[in-house]
Amino acid sequence: MSLFALFYRQVGGLLFLDTDFALLRDPYTQLKAPPLSRASLVLMPDLRGSATPVNAGLWYAQGAGAPSSAARWVVEQVARRTEAVIRLPTPRKQLPPYDQAMLNDALASASRGVSTASYMCTHPRVAASSLCASGGGRPRPQLPWLREDGVRWLRLSVPTARN
């Protein structure tokens, strides 16, 4: 199990930021106030036309320490998938897919109830690996966003089947 998945289990909340991200104010004033305080995962949508619907440059997981929690499942899946991809041998000058692909696969899986690897399997090295034996090479699913209080959100559950 990865360090951040283990830490999340103990603490129950993590703020993930890219190294090129700058905070100009305390983010917890917004994250701990309604409507965001009711969310177990707070995500940043990516730009229109992007290859992935969610940007992994900033996301926050909170209050989801129960083993059956979908938010906890998403955090652990991002960690598990990222570790598996990092272990793949890659030719020189060919980067593995970034964490954003793993986050979007975990979200697509949890929002659809079926485990998928469609985003990370678009990368040629990963597509040729055993990680994509099932769930890869398929069209990337759109996330079923809902709207409430001016906020876009997803209803998540732990997947019970593989795509």
Protein backbone atom coordinates (compact mmCIF):
# COMPACT_ATOMS: atom_id res chain seq x y z
CA MET A 1 0.00 0.00 0.00
CA SER A 2 1.33 3.46 -0.84
CA LEU A 3 2.35 5.95 1.79
CA PHE A 4 -0.45 8.40 0.91
CA ALA A 5 -3.12 5.66 0.98
CA LEU A 6 -1.84 4.53 4.38
CA PHE A 7 -1.73 8.13 5.64
CA TYR A 8 -5.26 8.75 4.34
CA ARG A 9 -6.53 5.73 6.30
CA GLN A 10 -5.02 7.13 9.49
CA VAL A 11 -5.87 10.81 9.09
CA GLY A 12 -9.01 10.68 6.96
CA GLY A 13 -8.10 13.64 4.75
CA LEU A 14 -5.49 14.64 2.19
CA LEU A 15 -4.95 17.68 0.00
CA PHE A 16 -3.11 16.80 -3.24
CA LEU A 17 -1.36 19.65 -5.06
CA ASP A 18 0.93 19.63 -8.09
CA THR A 19 4.36 21.10 -7.45
CA ASP A 20 3.56 23.98 -9.81
CA PHE A 21 0.46 24.96 -7.83
CA ALA A 22 0.52 28.08 -5.63
CA LEU A 23 -1.95 28.72 -2.81
CA LEU A 24 -2.64 32.39 -2.20
CA ARG A 25 -5.16 31.79 0.59
CA ASP A 26 -5.97 29.10 3.10
CA PRO A 27 -7.91 26.49 1.05
CA TYR A 28 -9.55 25.02 4.15
CA THR A 29 -11.81 28.07 4.56
CA GLN A 30 -13.60 26.96 1.38
CA LEU A 31 -13.14 23.18 1.75
CA LYS A 32 -14.65 23.12 5.25
CA ALA A 33 -17.63 25.38 4.40
CA PRO A 34 -20.83 24.31 2.60
CA PRO A 35 -21.32 23.10 -0.05
CA LEU A 36 -17.78 21.62 -0.29
CA SER A 37 -17.78 20.46 3.34
CA ARG A 38 -20.44 17.87 2.41
CA ALA A 39 -18.18 16.27 -0.25
CA SER A 40 -15.82 13.41 0.44
CA LEU A 41 -13.78 14.26 -2.68
CA VAL A 42 -13.29 17.77 -4.04
CA LEU A 43 -11.97 17.80 -7.60
CA MET A 44 -10.92 20.36 -10.17
CA PRO A 45 -12.43 19.89 -13.64
CA ASP A 46 -9.99 20.02 -16.53
CA LEU A 47 -10.22 22.38 -19.47
CA ARG A 48 -12.79 21.66 -22.17
CA GLY A 49 -11.31 19.53 -24.89
CA SER A 50 -8.78 17.98 -22.52
CA ALA A 51 -8.08 14.25 -22.72
CA THR A 52 -9.34 13.83 -19.14
CA PRO A 53 -12.40 15.35 -17.42
CA VAL A 54 -10.71 15.91 -14.03
CA ASN A 55 -7.39 17.66 -13.42
CA ALA A 56 -5.25 15.95 -10.79
CA GLY A 57 -3.37 19.19 -10.02
CA LEU A 58 -5.62 19.82 -7.03
CA TRP A 59 -7.92 17.42 -5.27
CA TYR A 60 -9.00 16.95 -1.68
CA ALA A 61 -10.24 13.82 0.05
CA GLN A 62 -11.89 14.21 3.46
CA GLY A 63 -13.84 12.25 6.05
CA ALA A 64 -13.93 9.00 4.16
CA GLY A 65 -11.96 6.64 6.35
CA ALA A 66 -14.51 3.79 6.40
CA PRO A 67 -13.29 0.72 4.44
CA SER A 68 -16.51 0.72 2.37
CA SER A 69 -16.15 4.41 1.44
CA ALA A 70 -16.05 5.13 -2.29
CA ALA A 71 -13.75 8.10 -1.71
CA ARG A 72 -11.30 5.88 0.14
CA TRP A 73 -11.53 3.36 -2.71
CA VAL A 74 -10.69 6.13 -5.23
CA VAL A 75 -7.62 7.25 -3.22
CA GLU A 76 -6.40 3.66 -2.88
CA GLN A 77 -7.02 2.95 -6.57
CA VAL A 78 -5.04 6.01 -7.67
CA ALA A 79 -2.18 4.84 -5.45
CA ARG A 80 -2.37 1.21 -6.61
CA ARG A 81 -2.61 2.06 -10.31
CA THR A 82 0.17 4.66 -10.13
CA GLU A 83 2.51 2.21 -8.39
CA ALA A 84 1.74 -0.50 -10.96
CA VAL A 85 2.47 1.86 -13.88
CA ILE A 86 5.69 3.14 -12.28
CA ARG A 87 6.92 -0.47 -12.06
CA LEU A 88 6.50 -1.03 -15.80
CA PRO A 89 9.76 -0.95 -17.75
CA THR A 90 9.63 2.04 -20.10
CA PRO A 91 11.97 2.78 -22.98
CA ARG A 92 14.23 5.75 -22.55
CA LYS A 93 12.57 9.12 -23.18
CA GLN A 94 9.07 7.66 -22.93
CA LEU A 95 7.27 8.86 -19.83
CA PRO A 96 4.58 6.74 -18.20
CA PRO A 97 1.07 8.19 -18.01
CA TYR A 98 0.58 10.76 -15.33
CA ASP A 99 -1.46 10.49 -12.15
CA GLN A 100 -4.33 12.31 -13.85
CA ALA A 101 -5.07 9.24 -15.98
CA MET A 102 -5.21 7.03 -12.88
CA LEU A 103 -7.47 9.49 -11.03
CA ASN A 104 -9.88 9.69 -13.97
CA ASP A 105 -10.00 5.89 -14.28
CA ALA A 106 -10.74 5.55 -10.56
CA LEU A 107 -13.48 8.22 -10.78
CA ALA A 108 -14.99 6.67 -13.92
CA SER A 109 -15.00 3.29 -12.17
CA ALA A 110 -16.59 4.59 -8.97
CA SER A 111 -19.20 6.70 -10.80
CA ARG A 112 -20.23 3.83 -13.11
CA GLY A 113 -19.91 0.90 -10.68
CA VAL A 114 -17.58 -0.97 -13.05
CA SER A 115 -13.78 -0.94 -12.80
CA THR A 116 -12.15 0.53 -15.92
CA ALA A 117 -8.65 1.42 -17.08
CA SER A 118 -9.58 3.36 -20.20
CA TYR A 119 -7.61 6.56 -19.51
CA MET A 120 -4.30 5.00 -18.48
CA CYS A 121 -4.51 2.41 -21.26
CA THR A 122 -4.32 5.07 -23.97
CA HIS A 123 -0.58 5.25 -23.22
CA PRO A 124 1.25 2.85 -25.61
CA ARG A 125 3.48 1.24 -22.96
CA VAL A 126 0.62 0.65 -20.54
CA ALA A 127 -1.72 -0.54 -23.31
CA ALA A 128 0.75 -3.32 -24.17
CA SER A 129 0.98 -4.46 -20.53
CA SER A 130 -1.06 -6.88 -18.47
CA LEU A 131 -2.58 -3.86 -16.67
CA CYS A 132 -4.82 -3.35 -19.70
CA ALA A 133 -5.81 -6.95 -20.34
CA SER A 134 -9.36 -6.03 -19.35
CA GLY A 135 -10.72 -2.54 -19.34
CA GLY A 136 -8.18 -0.98 -21.67
CA GLY A 137 -8.50 0.06 -25.26
CA ARG A 138 -12.13 1.01 -24.79
CA PRO A 139 -13.51 4.50 -25.30
CA ARG A 140 -12.90 6.77 -22.35
CA PRO A 141 -16.15 7.12 -20.41
CA GLN A 142 -17.60 10.52 -19.68
CA LEU A 143 -18.19 11.24 -16.02
CA PRO A 144 -21.89 11.54 -15.07
CA TRP A 145 -21.73 14.99 -13.44
CA LEU A 146 -24.69 16.18 -11.38
CA ARG A 147 -25.35 19.79 -10.34
CA GLU A 148 -26.48 21.08 -6.96
CA ASP A 149 -25.96 24.45 -5.27
CA GLY A 150 -23.91 25.63 -8.27
CA VAL A 151 -21.43 22.77 -7.78
CA ARG A 152 -20.81 19.85 -10.14
CA TRP A 153 -20.56 16.54 -8.31
CA LEU A 154 -20.44 12.78 -8.87
CA ARG A 155 -22.26 10.02 -7.04
CA LEU A 156 -19.61 7.39 -6.28
CA SER A 157 -19.74 3.77 -5.14
CA VAL A 158 -17.17 1.01 -4.87
CA PRO A 159 -17.26 -0.93 -8.18
CA THR A 160 -18.43 -4.51 -7.96
CA ALA A 161 -17.49 -5.61 -11.48
CA ARG A 162 -14.69 -5.27 -14.03
CA ASN A 163 -15.24 -3.75 -17.45
